[in-house]
Amino acid sequence: MTRAQADALAAELEAASELARGLAREFSPRELGEPPVPDGWSAADNLMHLTLSSEALIPRMTRTLGKLAESGRRSDGPTPSDWVGRVYARFLEPPVRLRVKAPRPFVPASGKTAAEALPAFLAAQRAVVALVDQSVGLDLAARKVPSPFSRYVQYNIYSAFRIFTAHERRHLWQARRAALAVRDRAAAS
């Protein structure tokens, strides 16, 4: 992966972090912590889901990047997404057209507040940015990783980063909509 690709990914991750900080500025703790509908996810739940996703990605990517570096799999050129990664990332981009139930390990524990969710999300973001930086010069197309949602779906490592950033945009979009719905419900009553 080139430095330019890494910088672009880091910028996307920082934009996601800024969107999350913006939620905390725009909405009250109640609006962020309350689900918009029964059994729905609050804005804070969406942030915790993203944190759980990061916590699953970080050790897997750390191991995989270490193996690439040890084996000398390097590249000075840009790394392309593979077709599976391009399709999956496009599917995840907001606005959400199709809802998918999150697997149990990625379902956030209920009751987390925005005061807990935001710092956890931002800490995970810093760890993922460090992984992106560690990827510069490695041949990220040389190795495939299984999706955390299905071991039958695999994509190259660069695609994994692209999918990850699309997934973040999806859930930050959902988080904002959840907080707005809570605000609108309170205004209507």
N, C-alpha and C. Protein backbone atom coordinates (compact mmCIF):
# COMPACT_ATOMS: atom_id res chain seq x y z
N MET A 1 0.85 -1.17 0.00
CA MET A 1 0.00 0.00 0.00
C MET A 1 0.90 1.23 0.00
N THR A 2 0.50 2.21 -0.76
CA THR A 2 1.30 3.42 -0.85
C THR A 2 1.00 4.34 0.34
N ARG A 3 1.90 5.29 0.55
CA ARG A 3 1.68 6.31 1.60
C ARG A 3 0.41 7.10 1.30
N ALA A 4 0.17 7.40 0.01
CA ALA A 4 -1.04 8.16 -0.36
C ALA A 4 -2.30 7.38 0.00
N GLN A 5 -2.30 6.05 -0.24
CA GLN A 5 -3.46 5.24 0.13
C GLN A 5 -3.65 5.23 1.64
N ALA A 6 -2.56 5.10 2.37
CA ALA A 6 -2.64 5.09 3.83
C ALA A 6 -3.15 6.43 4.34
N ASP A 7 -2.66 7.51 3.75
CA ASP A 7 -3.12 8.84 4.18
C ASP A 7 -4.61 9.02 3.90
N ALA A 8 -5.07 8.50 2.77
CA ALA A 8 -6.50 8.60 2.44
C ALA A 8 -7.35 7.80 3.43
N LEU A 9 -6.89 6.59 3.77
CA LEU A 9 -7.61 5.79 4.76
C LEU A 9 -7.60 6.48 6.13
N ALA A 10 -6.45 7.01 6.52
CA ALA A 10 -6.35 7.71 7.81
C ALA A 10 -7.29 8.91 7.83
N ALA A 11 -7.42 9.60 6.70
CA ALA A 11 -8.33 10.76 6.62
C ALA A 11 -9.78 10.31 6.78
N GLU A 12 -10.13 9.17 6.19
CA GLU A 12 -11.49 8.64 6.35
C GLU A 12 -11.75 8.27 7.81
N LEU A 13 -10.76 7.68 8.46
CA LEU A 13 -10.92 7.32 9.87
C LEU A 13 -11.04 8.56 10.74
N GLU A 14 -10.26 9.58 10.44
CA GLU A 14 -10.37 10.84 11.20
C GLU A 14 -11.71 11.51 10.96
N ALA A 15 -12.21 11.45 9.72
CA ALA A 15 -13.54 12.01 9.42
C ALA A 15 -14.62 11.29 10.23
N ALA A 16 -14.48 9.97 10.37
CA ALA A 16 -15.44 9.20 11.18
C ALA A 16 -15.34 9.62 12.65
N SER A 17 -14.12 9.81 13.13
CA SER A 17 -13.94 10.26 14.52
C SER A 17 -14.58 11.62 14.72
N GLU A 18 -14.42 12.50 13.75
CA GLU A 18 -15.01 13.84 13.86
C GLU A 18 -16.54 13.78 13.80
N LEU A 19 -17.09 12.89 13.00
CA LEU A 19 -18.55 12.70 12.99
C LEU A 19 -19.04 12.25 14.37
N ALA A 20 -18.30 11.34 14.98
CA ALA A 20 -18.68 10.86 16.32
C ALA A 20 -18.59 11.99 17.34
N ARG A 21 -17.53 12.78 17.28
CA ARG A 21 -17.42 13.94 18.19
C ARG A 21 -18.55 14.93 17.94
N GLY A 22 -18.92 15.09 16.67
CA GLY A 22 -20.01 15.99 16.31
C GLY A 22 -21.34 15.54 16.91
N LEU A 23 -21.56 14.24 16.95
CA LEU A 23 -22.78 13.72 17.59
C LEU A 23 -22.83 14.16 19.05
N ALA A 24 -21.70 14.07 19.72
CA ALA A 24 -21.64 14.44 21.14
C ALA A 24 -21.88 15.94 21.34
N ARG A 25 -21.49 16.74 20.36
CA ARG A 25 -21.74 18.19 20.45
C ARG A 25 -23.18 18.55 20.12
N GLU A 26 -23.75 17.83 19.16
CA GLU A 26 -25.08 18.19 18.64
C GLU A 26 -26.24 17.67 19.48
N PHE A 27 -26.04 16.53 20.13
CA PHE A 27 -27.15 15.87 20.82
C PHE A 27 -26.87 15.75 22.31
N SER A 28 -27.95 15.68 23.08
CA SER A 28 -27.83 15.52 24.53
C SER A 28 -27.47 14.07 24.86
N PRO A 29 -26.96 13.83 26.06
CA PRO A 29 -26.67 12.45 26.45
C PRO A 29 -27.91 11.55 26.37
N ARG A 30 -29.08 12.09 26.70
CA ARG A 30 -30.31 11.30 26.60
C ARG A 30 -30.61 10.94 25.15
N GLU A 31 -30.46 11.91 24.24
CA GLU A 31 -30.73 11.66 22.83
C GLU A 31 -29.77 10.63 22.25
N LEU A 32 -28.55 10.62 22.73
CA LEU A 32 -27.56 9.66 22.25
C LEU A 32 -27.71 8.28 22.87
N GLY A 33 -28.23 8.23 24.08
CA GLY A 33 -28.28 6.96 24.80
C GLY A 33 -29.59 6.21 24.71
N GLU A 34 -30.62 6.87 24.22
CA GLU A 34 -31.95 6.25 24.18
C GLU A 34 -32.21 5.66 22.80
N PRO A 35 -32.69 4.42 22.73
CA PRO A 35 -33.02 3.85 21.42
C PRO A 35 -34.26 4.55 20.83
N PRO A 36 -34.29 4.72 19.52
CA PRO A 36 -35.43 5.40 18.91
C PRO A 36 -36.71 4.57 18.91
N VAL A 37 -36.56 3.25 18.94
CA VAL A 37 -37.70 2.33 18.98
C VAL A 37 -37.34 1.19 19.93
N PRO A 38 -38.35 0.50 20.47
CA PRO A 38 -38.03 -0.65 21.31
C PRO A 38 -37.18 -1.67 20.53
N ASP A 39 -36.19 -2.20 21.18
CA ASP A 39 -35.24 -3.16 20.61
C ASP A 39 -34.38 -2.57 19.50
N GLY A 40 -34.39 -1.23 19.35
CA GLY A 40 -33.53 -0.58 18.38
C GLY A 40 -32.21 -0.19 19.03
N TRP A 41 -31.29 0.27 18.23
CA TRP A 41 -29.99 0.70 18.74
C TRP A 41 -29.99 2.22 18.87
N SER A 42 -29.50 2.67 19.99
CA SER A 42 -29.29 4.09 20.20
C SER A 42 -28.04 4.53 19.43
N ALA A 43 -27.80 5.82 19.40
CA ALA A 43 -26.56 6.33 18.80
C ALA A 43 -25.36 5.74 19.53
N ALA A 44 -25.42 5.70 20.86
CA ALA A 44 -24.32 5.12 21.65
C ALA A 44 -24.12 3.65 21.32
N ASP A 45 -25.21 2.92 21.10
CA ASP A 45 -25.11 1.50 20.72
C ASP A 45 -24.38 1.35 19.39
N ASN A 46 -24.67 2.24 18.44
CA ASN A 46 -23.98 2.19 17.16
C ASN A 46 -22.48 2.42 17.34
N LEU A 47 -22.11 3.36 18.21
CA LEU A 47 -20.67 3.59 18.47
C LEU A 47 -20.04 2.37 19.13
N MET A 48 -20.75 1.74 20.06
CA MET A 48 -20.20 0.55 20.71
C MET A 48 -20.08 -0.60 19.72
N HIS A 49 -21.02 -0.72 18.79
CA HIS A 49 -20.93 -1.74 17.75
C HIS A 49 -19.65 -1.52 16.92
N LEU A 50 -19.39 -0.27 16.58
CA LEU A 50 -18.17 0.03 15.83
C LEU A 50 -16.92 -0.28 16.64
N THR A 51 -16.98 -0.03 17.94
CA THR A 51 -15.85 -0.36 18.80
C THR A 51 -15.63 -1.87 18.85
N LEU A 52 -16.71 -2.63 18.97
CA LEU A 52 -16.59 -4.09 18.96
C LEU A 52 -16.01 -4.58 17.64
N SER A 53 -16.41 -3.95 16.54
CA SER A 53 -15.87 -4.31 15.23
C SER A 53 -14.37 -4.02 15.17
N SER A 54 -13.97 -2.88 15.71
CA SER A 54 -12.54 -2.54 15.75
C SER A 54 -11.77 -3.54 16.59
N GLU A 55 -12.33 -3.89 17.73
CA GLU A 55 -11.65 -4.83 18.63
C GLU A 55 -11.49 -6.21 18.00
N ALA A 56 -12.38 -6.56 17.08
CA ALA A 56 -12.23 -7.83 16.35
C ALA A 56 -11.19 -7.69 15.23
N LEU A 57 -11.15 -6.52 14.60
CA LEU A 57 -10.24 -6.30 13.48
C LEU A 57 -8.79 -6.17 13.92
N ILE A 58 -8.55 -5.45 15.00
CA ILE A 58 -7.18 -5.08 15.38
C ILE A 58 -6.26 -6.29 15.58
N PRO A 59 -6.63 -7.29 16.38
CA PRO A 59 -5.69 -8.42 16.53
C PRO A 59 -5.51 -9.22 15.24
N ARG A 60 -6.60 -9.38 14.49
CA ARG A 60 -6.52 -10.12 13.23
C ARG A 60 -5.58 -9.41 12.25
N MET A 61 -5.73 -8.11 12.12
CA MET A 61 -4.90 -7.36 11.18
C MET A 61 -3.46 -7.26 11.68
N THR A 62 -3.28 -7.15 12.98
CA THR A 62 -1.92 -7.09 13.53
C THR A 62 -1.16 -8.36 13.17
N ARG A 63 -1.80 -9.51 13.36
CA ARG A 63 -1.16 -10.79 13.01
C ARG A 63 -0.88 -10.88 11.50
N THR A 64 -1.86 -10.52 10.71
CA THR A 64 -1.74 -10.64 9.26
C THR A 64 -0.66 -9.71 8.72
N LEU A 65 -0.64 -8.48 9.18
CA LEU A 65 0.39 -7.53 8.73
C LEU A 65 1.77 -7.99 9.18
N GLY A 66 1.86 -8.56 10.38
CA GLY A 66 3.14 -9.10 10.85
C GLY A 66 3.64 -10.22 9.96
N LYS A 67 2.73 -11.10 9.54
CA LYS A 67 3.12 -12.20 8.65
C LYS A 67 3.57 -11.68 7.29
N LEU A 68 2.88 -10.66 6.79
CA LEU A 68 3.29 -10.08 5.50
C LEU A 68 4.69 -9.47 5.61
N ALA A 69 4.93 -8.74 6.67
CA ALA A 69 6.25 -8.12 6.85
C ALA A 69 7.34 -9.17 7.00
N GLU A 70 7.07 -10.21 7.81
CA GLU A 70 8.06 -11.29 8.01
C GLU A 70 8.38 -12.01 6.71
N SER A 71 7.39 -12.20 5.87
CA SER A 71 7.61 -12.94 4.62
C SER A 71 8.20 -12.05 3.52
N GLY A 72 8.35 -10.76 3.81
CA GLY A 72 8.94 -9.85 2.84
C GLY A 72 8.00 -9.46 1.71
N ARG A 73 6.71 -9.62 1.91
CA ARG A 73 5.72 -9.28 0.87
C ARG A 73 5.53 -7.77 0.84
N ARG A 74 6.30 -7.12 0.02
CA ARG A 74 6.29 -5.65 -0.06
C ARG A 74 5.88 -5.22 -1.46
N SER A 75 5.40 -3.98 -1.52
CA SER A 75 5.02 -3.40 -2.80
C SER A 75 5.11 -1.89 -2.70
N ASP A 76 5.68 -1.27 -3.72
CA ASP A 76 5.76 0.19 -3.78
C ASP A 76 4.55 0.78 -4.48
N GLY A 77 3.81 -0.06 -5.20
CA GLY A 77 2.67 0.44 -5.97
C GLY A 77 1.39 0.43 -5.15
N PRO A 78 0.37 1.04 -5.74
CA PRO A 78 -0.92 1.06 -5.05
C PRO A 78 -1.54 -0.33 -4.99
N THR A 79 -2.26 -0.59 -3.92
CA THR A 79 -2.96 -1.86 -3.76
C THR A 79 -4.41 -1.67 -4.16
N PRO A 80 -4.92 -2.50 -5.07
CA PRO A 80 -6.33 -2.38 -5.44
C PRO A 80 -7.21 -3.19 -4.48
N SER A 81 -8.45 -2.76 -4.36
CA SER A 81 -9.45 -3.60 -3.70
C SER A 81 -9.76 -4.74 -4.65
N ASP A 82 -10.09 -5.91 -4.11
CA ASP A 82 -10.55 -6.98 -4.98
C ASP A 82 -12.05 -6.81 -5.20
N TRP A 83 -12.62 -7.59 -6.10
CA TRP A 83 -14.03 -7.38 -6.46
C TRP A 83 -14.96 -7.64 -5.28
N VAL A 84 -14.64 -8.63 -4.45
CA VAL A 84 -15.49 -8.90 -3.28
C VAL A 84 -15.48 -7.70 -2.35
N GLY A 85 -14.32 -7.14 -2.12
CA GLY A 85 -14.20 -5.98 -1.25
C GLY A 85 -14.93 -4.77 -1.80
N ARG A 86 -14.84 -4.55 -3.11
CA ARG A 86 -15.54 -3.41 -3.72
C ARG A 86 -17.06 -3.55 -3.56
N VAL A 87 -17.57 -4.75 -3.81
CA VAL A 87 -19.02 -4.98 -3.70
C VAL A 87 -19.47 -4.83 -2.25
N TYR A 88 -18.74 -5.43 -1.35
CA TYR A 88 -19.11 -5.39 0.07
C TYR A 88 -19.07 -3.96 0.61
N ALA A 89 -18.03 -3.21 0.26
CA ALA A 89 -17.91 -1.82 0.72
C ALA A 89 -19.05 -0.98 0.15
N ARG A 90 -19.39 -1.16 -1.10
CA ARG A 90 -20.47 -0.40 -1.72
C ARG A 90 -21.80 -0.70 -1.02
N PHE A 91 -22.03 -1.96 -0.68
CA PHE A 91 -23.24 -2.37 0.01
C PHE A 91 -23.37 -1.69 1.38
N LEU A 92 -22.23 -1.49 2.05
CA LEU A 92 -22.25 -0.93 3.40
C LEU A 92 -22.43 0.58 3.44
N GLU A 93 -22.15 1.27 2.35
CA GLU A 93 -22.23 2.73 2.36
C GLU A 93 -23.64 3.21 2.66
N PRO A 94 -23.74 4.31 3.43
CA PRO A 94 -25.07 4.89 3.64
C PRO A 94 -25.54 5.60 2.38
N PRO A 95 -26.82 5.80 2.23
CA PRO A 95 -27.89 5.43 3.17
C PRO A 95 -28.13 3.93 3.15
N VAL A 96 -28.57 3.43 4.29
CA VAL A 96 -28.80 2.00 4.45
C VAL A 96 -30.03 1.61 3.62
N ARG A 97 -29.82 0.66 2.73
CA ARG A 97 -30.92 0.18 1.89
C ARG A 97 -31.43 -1.17 2.38
N LEU A 98 -30.56 -1.92 3.00
CA LEU A 98 -30.92 -3.25 3.48
C LEU A 98 -30.31 -3.43 4.86
N ARG A 99 -31.14 -3.74 5.81
CA ARG A 99 -30.65 -3.97 7.17
C ARG A 99 -30.26 -5.43 7.33
N VAL A 100 -29.18 -5.64 8.06
CA VAL A 100 -28.68 -6.98 8.32
C VAL A 100 -28.49 -7.11 9.82
N LYS A 101 -28.95 -8.21 10.38
CA LYS A 101 -28.80 -8.44 11.82
C LYS A 101 -27.33 -8.70 12.14
N ALA A 102 -26.82 -7.99 13.13
CA ALA A 102 -25.42 -8.16 13.53
C ALA A 102 -25.24 -9.49 14.27
N PRO A 103 -24.16 -10.21 13.97
CA PRO A 103 -23.86 -11.42 14.73
C PRO A 103 -23.67 -11.10 16.21
N ARG A 104 -23.98 -12.04 17.06
CA ARG A 104 -23.97 -11.85 18.51
C ARG A 104 -22.70 -11.17 19.05
N PRO A 105 -21.49 -11.55 18.60
CA PRO A 105 -20.31 -10.90 19.17
C PRO A 105 -20.23 -9.40 18.88
N PHE A 106 -21.02 -8.93 17.91
CA PHE A 106 -20.97 -7.53 17.53
C PHE A 106 -22.18 -6.74 18.00
N VAL A 107 -23.03 -7.38 18.79
CA VAL A 107 -24.19 -6.69 19.36
C VAL A 107 -23.75 -6.03 20.66
N PRO A 108 -23.89 -4.71 20.75
CA PRO A 108 -23.43 -4.02 21.96
C PRO A 108 -24.30 -4.34 23.17
N ALA A 109 -23.67 -4.38 24.33
CA ALA A 109 -24.42 -4.55 25.58
C ALA A 109 -25.30 -3.32 25.75
N SER A 110 -26.52 -3.53 26.15
CA SER A 110 -27.43 -2.39 26.29
C SER A 110 -27.05 -1.55 27.50
N GLY A 111 -27.44 -0.30 27.43
CA GLY A 111 -27.25 0.58 28.57
C GLY A 111 -25.97 1.38 28.58
N LYS A 112 -25.14 1.26 27.54
CA LYS A 112 -23.92 2.08 27.50
C LYS A 112 -24.32 3.53 27.21
N THR A 113 -23.69 4.43 27.89
CA THR A 113 -23.97 5.84 27.67
C THR A 113 -23.03 6.41 26.62
N ALA A 114 -23.40 7.56 26.09
CA ALA A 114 -22.52 8.22 25.13
C ALA A 114 -21.19 8.59 25.77
N ALA A 115 -21.22 8.89 27.07
CA ALA A 115 -19.98 9.23 27.78
C ALA A 115 -19.02 8.04 27.83
N GLU A 116 -19.55 6.82 27.76
CA GLU A 116 -18.72 5.62 27.71
C GLU A 116 -18.37 5.25 26.27
N ALA A 117 -19.34 5.40 25.39
CA ALA A 117 -19.18 4.93 24.01
C ALA A 117 -18.19 5.76 23.21
N LEU A 118 -18.25 7.07 23.33
CA LEU A 118 -17.39 7.93 22.50
C LEU A 118 -15.90 7.72 22.79
N PRO A 119 -15.44 7.75 24.04
CA PRO A 119 -14.01 7.52 24.27
C PRO A 119 -13.54 6.14 23.81
N ALA A 120 -14.38 5.12 23.97
CA ALA A 120 -14.00 3.78 23.53
C ALA A 120 -13.85 3.75 22.01
N PHE A 121 -14.78 4.38 21.33
CA PHE A 121 -14.72 4.44 19.86
C PHE A 121 -13.46 5.17 19.40
N LEU A 122 -13.19 6.32 20.00
CA LEU A 122 -12.02 7.11 19.59
C LEU A 122 -10.71 6.39 19.87
N ALA A 123 -10.63 5.66 20.97
CA ALA A 123 -9.42 4.88 21.27
C ALA A 123 -9.21 3.78 20.22
N ALA A 124 -10.29 3.11 19.85
CA ALA A 124 -10.20 2.07 18.83
C ALA A 124 -9.78 2.67 17.49
N GLN A 125 -10.28 3.86 17.19
CA GLN A 125 -9.91 4.53 15.94
C GLN A 125 -8.40 4.77 15.88
N ARG A 126 -7.83 5.22 16.98
CA ARG A 126 -6.37 5.47 17.00
C ARG A 126 -5.61 4.18 16.72
N ALA A 127 -6.07 3.07 17.25
CA ALA A 127 -5.40 1.79 17.03
C ALA A 127 -5.50 1.36 15.57
N VAL A 128 -6.65 1.61 14.93
CA VAL A 128 -6.80 1.24 13.52
C VAL A 128 -5.93 2.15 12.65
N VAL A 129 -5.83 3.43 12.97
CA VAL A 129 -4.96 4.34 12.22
C VAL A 129 -3.51 3.85 12.31
N ALA A 130 -3.11 3.36 13.47
CA ALA A 130 -1.75 2.81 13.61
C ALA A 130 -1.55 1.60 12.71
N LEU A 131 -2.57 0.76 12.56
CA LEU A 131 -2.48 -0.39 11.65
C LEU A 131 -2.35 0.07 10.20
N VAL A 132 -3.11 1.08 9.84
CA VAL A 132 -3.02 1.62 8.48
C VAL A 132 -1.60 2.12 8.23
N ASP A 133 -1.04 2.84 9.18
CA ASP A 133 0.32 3.35 9.03
C ASP A 133 1.34 2.21 8.91
N GLN A 134 1.12 1.15 9.66
CA GLN A 134 2.00 -0.03 9.62
C GLN A 134 1.93 -0.74 8.27
N SER A 135 0.87 -0.51 7.51
CA SER A 135 0.64 -1.21 6.24
C SER A 135 1.39 -0.62 5.06
N VAL A 136 1.92 0.58 5.22
CA VAL A 136 2.60 1.24 4.11
C VAL A 136 3.77 0.39 3.64
N GLY A 137 3.82 0.16 2.34
CA GLY A 137 4.91 -0.62 1.74
C GLY A 137 4.66 -2.11 1.70
N LEU A 138 3.60 -2.57 2.32
CA LEU A 138 3.29 -4.00 2.29
C LEU A 138 2.36 -4.30 1.12
N ASP A 139 2.46 -5.51 0.60
CA ASP A 139 1.60 -5.95 -0.50
C ASP A 139 0.29 -6.48 0.10
N LEU A 140 -0.66 -5.59 0.30
CA LEU A 140 -1.92 -5.96 0.96
C LEU A 140 -2.81 -6.83 0.09
N ALA A 141 -2.49 -6.94 -1.20
CA ALA A 141 -3.25 -7.82 -2.08
C ALA A 141 -2.74 -9.26 -2.01
N ALA A 142 -1.61 -9.48 -1.36
CA ALA A 142 -0.98 -10.79 -1.33
C ALA A 142 -1.67 -11.76 -0.38
N ARG A 143 -2.52 -11.25 0.45
CA ARG A 143 -3.14 -12.11 1.45
C ARG A 143 -4.61 -11.78 1.59
N LYS A 144 -5.42 -12.81 1.76
CA LYS A 144 -6.86 -12.62 1.98
C LYS A 144 -7.16 -12.86 3.45
N VAL A 145 -8.19 -12.17 3.92
CA VAL A 145 -8.66 -12.35 5.29
C VAL A 145 -10.15 -12.69 5.24
N PRO A 146 -10.60 -13.55 6.15
CA PRO A 146 -12.03 -13.86 6.17
C PRO A 146 -12.83 -12.72 6.81
N SER A 147 -14.03 -12.54 6.33
CA SER A 147 -14.94 -11.57 6.93
C SER A 147 -15.25 -12.00 8.35
N PRO A 148 -15.39 -11.04 9.27
CA PRO A 148 -15.77 -11.42 10.63
C PRO A 148 -17.20 -11.95 10.69
N PHE A 149 -17.97 -11.73 9.62
CA PHE A 149 -19.36 -12.16 9.61
C PHE A 149 -19.55 -13.53 8.97
N SER A 150 -18.63 -13.92 8.10
CA SER A 150 -18.72 -15.24 7.46
C SER A 150 -17.34 -15.67 7.02
N ARG A 151 -16.91 -16.82 7.48
CA ARG A 151 -15.58 -17.31 7.10
C ARG A 151 -15.53 -17.71 5.64
N TYR A 152 -16.69 -17.81 4.99
CA TYR A 152 -16.75 -18.18 3.58
C TYR A 152 -16.52 -16.98 2.65
N VAL A 153 -16.57 -15.79 3.20
CA VAL A 153 -16.33 -14.58 2.42
C VAL A 153 -14.94 -14.07 2.78
N GLN A 154 -14.09 -13.92 1.76
CA GLN A 154 -12.73 -13.44 1.98
C GLN A 154 -12.41 -12.33 1.00
N TYR A 155 -11.53 -11.44 1.43
CA TYR A 155 -11.10 -10.33 0.59
C TYR A 155 -9.69 -9.95 0.99
N ASN A 156 -9.02 -9.17 0.12
CA ASN A 156 -7.65 -8.81 0.44
C ASN A 156 -7.61 -7.79 1.58
N ILE A 157 -6.44 -7.57 2.11
CA ILE A 157 -6.30 -6.74 3.31
C ILE A 157 -6.67 -5.28 3.03
N TYR A 158 -6.32 -4.78 1.86
CA TYR A 158 -6.70 -3.41 1.53
C TYR A 158 -8.23 -3.30 1.49
N SER A 159 -8.88 -4.30 0.91
CA SER A 159 -10.34 -4.32 0.90
C SER A 159 -10.91 -4.32 2.31
N ALA A 160 -10.24 -5.03 3.22
CA ALA A 160 -10.71 -5.06 4.61
C ALA A 160 -10.74 -3.64 5.20
N PHE A 161 -9.72 -2.86 4.92
CA PHE A 161 -9.72 -1.47 5.39
C PHE A 161 -10.84 -0.66 4.73
N ARG A 162 -11.07 -0.85 3.43
CA ARG A 162 -12.11 -0.11 2.72
C ARG A 162 -13.50 -0.50 3.26
N ILE A 163 -13.69 -1.77 3.53
CA ILE A 163 -14.96 -2.25 4.10
C ILE A 163 -15.15 -1.66 5.49
N PHE A 164 -14.09 -1.64 6.25
CA PHE A 164 -14.15 -1.11 7.62
C PHE A 164 -14.59 0.35 7.62
N THR A 165 -14.01 1.17 6.73
CA THR A 165 -14.38 2.59 6.72
C THR A 165 -15.81 2.79 6.22
N ALA A 166 -16.26 1.99 5.26
CA ALA A 166 -17.66 2.07 4.80
C ALA A 166 -18.60 1.67 5.93
N HIS A 167 -18.24 0.64 6.67
CA HIS A 167 -19.04 0.18 7.81
C HIS A 167 -19.17 1.29 8.85
N GLU A 168 -18.09 2.02 9.08
CA GLU A 168 -18.15 3.13 10.03
C GLU A 168 -19.11 4.21 9.55
N ARG A 169 -19.01 4.56 8.28
CA ARG A 169 -19.93 5.59 7.76
C ARG A 169 -21.38 5.15 7.89
N ARG A 170 -21.63 3.89 7.64
CA ARG A 170 -23.00 3.34 7.76
C ARG A 170 -23.54 3.54 9.17
N HIS A 171 -22.75 3.13 10.17
CA HIS A 171 -23.25 3.18 11.54
C HIS A 171 -23.24 4.58 12.13
N LEU A 172 -22.37 5.44 11.66
CA LEU A 172 -22.44 6.83 12.11
C LEU A 172 -23.67 7.51 11.52
N TRP A 173 -24.02 7.17 10.31
CA TRP A 173 -25.26 7.65 9.69
C TRP A 173 -26.46 7.16 10.50
N GLN A 174 -26.45 5.87 10.86
CA GLN A 174 -27.54 5.31 11.66
C GLN A 174 -27.58 5.94 13.05
N ALA A 175 -26.43 6.21 13.63
CA ALA A 175 -26.37 6.84 14.95
C ALA A 175 -27.03 8.21 14.92
N ARG A 176 -26.72 8.99 13.91
CA ARG A 176 -27.32 10.33 13.80
C ARG A 176 -28.82 10.23 13.61
N ARG A 177 -29.27 9.32 12.79
CA ARG A 177 -30.71 9.14 12.58
C ARG A 177 -31.40 8.69 13.87
N ALA A 178 -30.75 7.84 14.63
CA ALA A 178 -31.34 7.39 15.90
C ALA A 178 -31.50 8.56 16.87
N ALA A 179 -30.45 9.38 16.99
CA ALA A 179 -30.52 10.53 17.90
C ALA A 179 -31.57 11.53 17.43
N LEU A 180 -31.66 11.75 16.13
CA LEU A 180 -32.69 12.66 15.60
C LEU A 180 -34.10 12.13 15.88
N ALA A 181 -34.28 10.82 15.75
CA ALA A 181 -35.59 10.22 16.02
C ALA A 181 -35.98 10.41 17.48
N VAL A 182 -35.03 10.25 18.38
CA VAL A 182 -35.30 10.44 19.81
C VAL A 182 -35.66 11.90 20.06
N ARG A 183 -34.93 12.81 19.45
CA ARG A 183 -35.22 14.25 19.59
C ARG A 183 -36.60 14.58 19.04
N ASP A 184 -36.92 14.05 17.87
CA ASP A 184 -38.23 14.34 17.26
C ASP A 184 -39.37 13.77 18.10
N ARG A 185 -39.17 12.59 18.66
CA ARG A 185 -40.21 11.98 19.51
C ARG A 185 -40.46 12.83 20.75
N ALA A 186 -39.38 13.35 21.34
CA ALA A 186 -39.53 14.18 22.53
C ALA A 186 -40.23 15.51 22.19
N ALA A 187 -39.91 16.05 21.02
CA ALA A 187 -40.54 17.32 20.61
C ALA A 187 -42.02 17.15 20.31
N ALA A 188 -42.39 15.96 19.82
CA ALA A 188 -43.79 15.70 19.48
C ALA A 188 -44.66 15.42 20.69
N SER A 189 -44.04 15.06 21.82
CA SER A 189 -44.85 14.72 23.01
C SER A 189 -45.06 15.89 23.94
